[in-house]
Amino acid sequence: MQEQEHHKKAFEYYYSLGEKRNYQDVARHFGYSVPSVKLWGREFAWKRRLKEREGEVARAMAARNVGNEVSNRTRNKQIIQLALVQLAKAIAEGKIKFNLSDLDRLVRLESFLDQGPDSRHEVIIESLKGKSFEELRGMLRTELETLKKLEEDCAEPLLLEDESMPN
C-alpha cells in the first residue's frame, strides 16, 4: 500500500491527540472505519513514527534549552565584565574608594558563571580530590612543618601552647 495524503493527515491527527491518542478518534474525526485506520497504523508504522517524532522533539527541546542556558550565561558574564571595567575606571578616576569585598564578589560571580570554583572551599576540595589517605597525611605534615617554621621566625606564637598538634 502506498501512503497517500489522507493517510499522512490521519497520522498527523493521530500524533496531535497526545497521550490519549487512539485509532477510534482518528476514524471518527475523518469519517473512516476503525479497521481502516488500524490497517494504516500497521502499514505505515505509526507507532514507530511516533517514537521517532517524540525523539526528534525531545532533542530539539534539549538543544534549545542548552542554547538558552549558554546565551543567559554569556549575557550575565558580559554584565559582570562590564561591572568590573566600570569599577576599575571609577577607582582609577577616584570616584569611589577601592572596595575589596565588591571586587571579590564580582570575581567569584564571574568564576561561578564559568562553572569554576567560586570559593576557597571549592578550590581546596578540588585540590584534594583523588588523594589517598597517605598523601593527605603527607600534605598535613608539610603544612604543620611550615607553620612551625613560621612560628619560630615570628616574635608571637601562631598556635596556643595548649593546642595539640596531630602527628
C-alpha atoms as a PDB file:
ATOM      1  CA  MET A   1       0.000   0.000   0.000  1.00  0.00           C
ATOM      2  CA  GLN A   2       1.318   3.450  -0.928  1.00  0.00           C
ATOM      3  CA  GLU A   3       0.905   6.191   1.699  1.00  0.00           C
ATOM      4  CA  GLN A   4      -1.290   8.958   0.342  1.00  0.00           C
ATOM      5  CA  GLU A   5      -2.113  12.453   1.530  1.00  0.00           C
ATOM      6  CA  HIS A   6      -5.186  11.387   3.546  1.00  0.00           C
ATOM      7  CA  HIS A   7      -3.035   8.750   5.319  1.00  0.00           C
ATOM      8  CA  LYS A   8      -0.481  11.431   6.215  1.00  0.00           C
ATOM      9  CA  LYS A   9      -3.217  13.747   7.510  1.00  0.00           C
ATOM     10  CA  ALA A  10      -4.658  10.888   9.581  1.00  0.00           C
ATOM     11  CA  PHE A  11      -1.218  10.204  11.083  1.00  0.00           C
ATOM     12  CA  GLU A  12      -0.684  13.897  11.911  1.00  0.00           C
ATOM     13  CA  TYR A  13      -4.071  13.994  13.628  1.00  0.00           C
ATOM     14  CA  TYR A  14      -3.217  10.770  15.472  1.00  0.00           C
ATOM     15  CA  TYR A  15       0.059  12.368  16.621  1.00  0.00           C
ATOM     16  CA  SER A  16      -1.708  15.564  17.696  1.00  0.00           C
ATOM     17  CA  LEU A  17      -4.020  13.649  20.052  1.00  0.00           C
ATOM     18  CA  GLY A  18      -1.149  13.247  22.509  1.00  0.00           C
ATOM     19  CA  GLU A  19      -1.100  10.677  25.298  1.00  0.00           C
ATOM     20  CA  LYS A  20      -4.759   9.737  24.856  1.00  0.00           C
ATOM     21  CA  ARG A  21      -4.464   9.023  21.130  1.00  0.00           C
ATOM     22  CA  ASN A  22      -6.363   6.090  19.648  1.00  0.00           C
ATOM     23  CA  TYR A  23      -7.487   4.831  16.270  1.00  0.00           C
ATOM     24  CA  GLN A  24     -11.182   5.254  17.104  1.00  0.00           C
ATOM     25  CA  ASP A  25     -10.825   9.039  17.479  1.00  0.00           C
ATOM     26  CA  VAL A  26      -8.960   9.259  14.170  1.00  0.00           C
ATOM     27  CA  ALA A  27     -11.645   7.211  12.400  1.00  0.00           C
ATOM     28  CA  ARG A  28     -14.427   9.357  13.895  1.00  0.00           C
ATOM     29  CA  HIS A  29     -12.664  12.636  13.034  1.00  0.00           C
ATOM     30  CA  PHE A  30     -12.100  11.745   9.369  1.00  0.00           C
ATOM     31  CA  GLY A  31     -15.170   9.553   8.836  1.00  0.00           C
ATOM     32  CA  TYR A  32     -13.248   6.339   8.135  1.00  0.00           C
ATOM     33  CA  SER A  33     -13.798   2.905   9.627  1.00  0.00           C
ATOM     34  CA  VAL A  34     -11.769   1.871  12.669  1.00  0.00           C
ATOM     35  CA  PRO A  35     -10.386  -1.233  10.859  1.00  0.00           C
ATOM     36  CA  SER A  36      -9.128   1.002   8.013  1.00  0.00           C
ATOM     37  CA  VAL A  37      -7.326   3.318  10.431  1.00  0.00           C
ATOM     38  CA  LYS A  38      -5.822   0.315  12.259  1.00  0.00           C
ATOM     39  CA  LEU A  39      -4.572  -1.029   8.939  1.00  0.00           C
ATOM     40  CA  TRP A  40      -2.977   2.328   8.130  1.00  0.00           C
ATOM     41  CA  GLY A  41      -1.358   2.382  11.548  1.00  0.00           C
ATOM     42  CA  ARG A  42       0.260  -1.019  10.908  1.00  0.00           C
ATOM     43  CA  GLU A  43       1.079  -0.406   7.222  1.00  0.00           C
ATOM     44  CA  PHE A  44       2.659   2.987   7.770  1.00  0.00           C
ATOM     45  CA  ALA A  45       4.305   2.177  11.136  1.00  0.00           C
ATOM     46  CA  TRP A  46       2.560   4.889  13.123  1.00  0.00           C
ATOM     47  CA  LYS A  47       3.881   3.687  16.484  1.00  0.00           C
ATOM     48  CA  ARG A  48       7.495   3.680  15.247  1.00  0.00           C
ATOM     49  CA  ARG A  49       6.978   7.095  13.645  1.00  0.00           C
ATOM     50  CA  LEU A  50       5.544   8.401  16.923  1.00  0.00           C
ATOM     51  CA  LYS A  51       8.659   7.320  18.810  1.00  0.00           C
ATOM     52  CA  GLU A  52      10.908   8.871  16.171  1.00  0.00           C
ATOM     53  CA  ARG A  53       8.954  12.132  16.230  1.00  0.00           C
ATOM     54  CA  GLU A  54       8.966  12.282  20.021  1.00  0.00           C
ATOM     55  CA  GLY A  55      12.721  11.678  19.985  1.00  0.00           C
ATOM     56  CA  GLU A  56      13.198  14.499  17.483  1.00  0.00           C
ATOM     57  CA  VAL A  57      11.061  16.838  19.558  1.00  0.00           C
ATOM     58  CA  ALA A  58      12.971  15.941  22.741  1.00  0.00           C
ATOM     59  CA  ARG A  59      16.333  16.532  21.026  1.00  0.00           C
ATOM     60  CA  ALA A  60      15.155  19.855  19.606  1.00  0.00           C
ATOM     61  CA  MET A  61      13.894  20.987  23.018  1.00  0.00           C
ATOM     62  CA  ALA A  62      17.153  19.935  24.691  1.00  0.00           C
ATOM     63  CA  ALA A  63      19.183  21.825  22.078  1.00  0.00           C
ATOM     64  CA  ARG A  64      17.024  24.919  22.541  1.00  0.00           C
ATOM     65  CA  ASN A  65      17.390  24.711  26.336  1.00  0.00           C
ATOM     66  CA  VAL A  66      21.172  24.380  26.065  1.00  0.00           C
ATOM     67  CA  GLY A  67      21.248  27.329  23.680  1.00  0.00           C
ATOM     68  CA  ASN A  68      19.181  29.435  26.078  1.00  0.00           C
ATOM     69  CA  GLU A  69      21.439  28.494  29.007  1.00  0.00           C
ATOM     70  CA  VAL A  70      24.581  29.391  27.053  1.00  0.00           C
ATOM     71  CA  SER A  71      23.005  32.671  25.954  1.00  0.00           C
ATOM     72  CA  ASN A  72      21.982  33.554  29.512  1.00  0.00           C
ATOM     73  CA  ARG A  73      25.407  32.706  30.939  1.00  0.00           C
ATOM     74  CA  THR A  74      27.127  34.710  28.203  1.00  0.00           C
ATOM     75  CA  ARG A  75      24.898  37.721  28.848  1.00  0.00           C
ATOM     76  CA  ASN A  76      25.426  37.514  32.621  1.00  0.00           C
ATOM     77  CA  LYS A  77      29.177  37.188  32.193  1.00  0.00           C
ATOM     78  CA  GLN A  78      29.230  40.241  29.913  1.00  0.00           C
ATOM     79  CA  ILE A  79      27.314  42.224  32.527  1.00  0.00           C
ATOM     80  CA  ILE A  80      29.824  41.206  35.216  1.00  0.00           C
ATOM     81  CA  GLN A  81      32.778  42.052  32.971  1.00  0.00           C
ATOM     82  CA  LEU A  82      31.231  45.454  32.263  1.00  0.00           C
ATOM     83  CA  ALA A  83      30.756  45.993  36.003  1.00  0.00           C
ATOM     84  CA  LEU A  84      34.415  45.090  36.600  1.00  0.00           C
ATOM     85  CA  VAL A  85      35.539  47.563  33.920  1.00  0.00           C
ATOM     86  CA  GLN A  86      33.295  50.294  35.347  1.00  0.00           C
ATOM     87  CA  LEU A  87      34.564  49.574  38.858  1.00  0.00           C
ATOM     88  CA  ALA A  88      38.190  49.765  37.701  1.00  0.00           C
ATOM     89  CA  LYS A  89      37.504  53.029  35.829  1.00  0.00           C
ATOM     90  CA  ALA A  90      35.726  54.578  38.828  1.00  0.00           C
ATOM     91  CA  ILE A  91      38.598  53.551  41.107  1.00  0.00           C
ATOM     92  CA  ALA A  92      41.174  54.975  38.682  1.00  0.00           C
ATOM     93  CA  GLU A  93      39.251  58.273  38.461  1.00  0.00           C
ATOM     94  CA  GLY A  94      38.961  58.444  42.246  1.00  0.00           C
ATOM     95  CA  LYS A  95      35.175  58.441  42.107  1.00  0.00           C
ATOM     96  CA  ILE A  96      34.876  55.562  44.553  1.00  0.00           C
ATOM     97  CA  LYS A  97      37.105  54.047  47.129  1.00  0.00           C
ATOM     98  CA  PHE A  98      38.574  50.671  46.343  1.00  0.00           C
ATOM     99  CA  ASN A  99      36.411  48.046  47.989  1.00  0.00           C
ATOM    100  CA  LEU A 100      37.943  44.590  48.020  1.00  0.00           C
ATOM    101  CA  SER A 101      34.712  42.895  49.059  1.00  0.00           C
ATOM    102  CA  ASP A 102      32.859  44.234  45.982  1.00  0.00           C
ATOM    103  CA  LEU A 103      35.707  43.164  43.725  1.00  0.00           C
ATOM    104  CA  ASP A 104      35.845  39.766  45.416  1.00  0.00           C
ATOM    105  CA  ARG A 105      32.090  39.229  44.869  1.00  0.00           C
ATOM    106  CA  LEU A 106      32.308  40.136  41.185  1.00  0.00           C
ATOM    107  CA  VAL A 107      35.304  37.864  40.596  1.00  0.00           C
ATOM    108  CA  ARG A 108      33.580  34.980  42.401  1.00  0.00           C
ATOM    109  CA  LEU A 109      30.399  35.537  40.406  1.00  0.00           C
ATOM    110  CA  GLU A 110      32.378  35.517  37.172  1.00  0.00           C
ATOM    111  CA  SER A 111      34.060  32.255  38.188  1.00  0.00           C
ATOM    112  CA  PHE A 112      30.695  30.761  39.142  1.00  0.00           C
ATOM    113  CA  LEU A 113      29.254  31.621  35.715  1.00  0.00           C
ATOM    114  CA  ASP A 114      32.265  29.950  34.087  1.00  0.00           C
ATOM    115  CA  GLN A 115      31.444  26.900  36.239  1.00  0.00           C
ATOM    116  CA  GLY A 116      34.730  27.326  38.065  1.00  0.00           C
ATOM    117  CA  PRO A 117      35.307  27.387  41.810  1.00  0.00           C
ATOM    118  CA  ASP A 118      33.762  30.433  43.415  1.00  0.00           C
ATOM    119  CA  SER A 119      35.032  29.933  46.946  1.00  0.00           C
ATOM    120  CA  ARG A 120      38.230  28.935  48.729  1.00  0.00           C
ATOM    121  CA  HIS A 121      36.403  25.856  49.938  1.00  0.00           C
ATOM    122  CA  GLU A 122      35.808  24.674  46.348  1.00  0.00           C
ATOM    123  CA  VAL A 123      39.433  25.347  45.382  1.00  0.00           C
ATOM    124  CA  ILE A 124      40.679  23.345  48.365  1.00  0.00           C
ATOM    125  CA  ILE A 125      38.228  20.487  47.731  1.00  0.00           C
ATOM    126  CA  GLU A 126      39.310  20.352  44.078  1.00  0.00           C
ATOM    127  CA  SER A 127      42.988  20.155  45.052  1.00  0.00           C
ATOM    128  CA  LEU A 128      42.285  17.286  47.479  1.00  0.00           C
ATOM    129  CA  LYS A 129      40.204  15.176  45.075  1.00  0.00           C
ATOM    130  CA  GLY A 130      41.658  11.775  44.336  1.00  0.00           C
ATOM    131  CA  LYS A 131      44.331  11.972  47.025  1.00  0.00           C
ATOM    132  CA  SER A 132      44.997   8.907  49.099  1.00  0.00           C
ATOM    133  CA  PHE A 133      44.946   8.969  52.894  1.00  0.00           C
ATOM    134  CA  GLU A 134      48.750   8.812  52.962  1.00  0.00           C
ATOM    135  CA  GLU A 135      49.047  11.714  50.504  1.00  0.00           C
ATOM    136  CA  LEU A 136      46.698  13.784  52.662  1.00  0.00           C
ATOM    137  CA  ARG A 137      48.705  12.959  55.808  1.00  0.00           C
ATOM    138  CA  GLY A 138      51.876  13.994  53.976  1.00  0.00           C
ATOM    139  CA  MET A 139      50.295  17.287  52.939  1.00  0.00           C
ATOM    140  CA  LEU A 140      49.195  17.884  56.531  1.00  0.00           C
ATOM    141  CA  ARG A 141      52.707  17.168  57.855  1.00  0.00           C
ATOM    142  CA  THR A 142      54.170  19.638  55.345  1.00  0.00           C
ATOM    143  CA  GLU A 143      51.671  22.306  56.400  1.00  0.00           C
ATOM    144  CA  LEU A 144      52.452  21.725  60.081  1.00  0.00           C
ATOM    145  CA  GLU A 145      56.191  21.955  59.444  1.00  0.00           C
ATOM    146  CA  THR A 146      55.637  25.230  57.590  1.00  0.00           C
ATOM    147  CA  LEU A 147      53.572  26.574  60.485  1.00  0.00           C
ATOM    148  CA  LYS A 148      56.263  25.549  62.999  1.00  0.00           C
ATOM    149  CA  LYS A 149      58.929  27.296  60.931  1.00  0.00           C
ATOM    150  CA  LEU A 150      56.808  30.442  60.696  1.00  0.00           C
ATOM    151  CA  GLU A 151      56.194  30.296  64.423  1.00  0.00           C
ATOM    152  CA  GLU A 152      59.928  30.065  65.090  1.00  0.00           C
ATOM    153  CA  ASP A 153      60.544  33.069  62.827  1.00  0.00           C
ATOM    154  CA  CYS A 154      57.799  35.184  64.429  1.00  0.00           C
ATOM    155  CA  ALA A 155      58.051  37.003  67.718  1.00  0.00           C
ATOM    156  CA  GLU A 156      54.498  35.923  68.637  1.00  0.00           C
ATOM    157  CA  PRO A 157      53.463  32.255  68.550  1.00  0.00           C
ATOM    158  CA  LEU A 158      50.927  31.330  65.878  1.00  0.00           C
ATOM    159  CA  LEU A 159      49.450  28.482  67.931  1.00  0.00           C
ATOM    160  CA  LEU A 160      48.350  28.468  71.520  1.00  0.00           C
ATOM    161  CA  GLU A 161      50.619  26.406  73.737  1.00  0.00           C
ATOM    162  CA  ASP A 162      47.835  24.120  74.968  1.00  0.00           C
ATOM    163  CA  GLU A 163      46.765  23.168  71.422  1.00  0.00           C
ATOM    164  CA  SER A 164      47.862  19.712  70.499  1.00  0.00           C
ATOM    165  CA  MET A 165      49.446  19.117  67.109  1.00  0.00           C
ATOM    166  CA  PRO A 166      48.359  15.968  65.216  1.00  0.00           C
ATOM    167  CA  ASN A 167      51.116  13.645  64.050  1.00  0.00           C
END
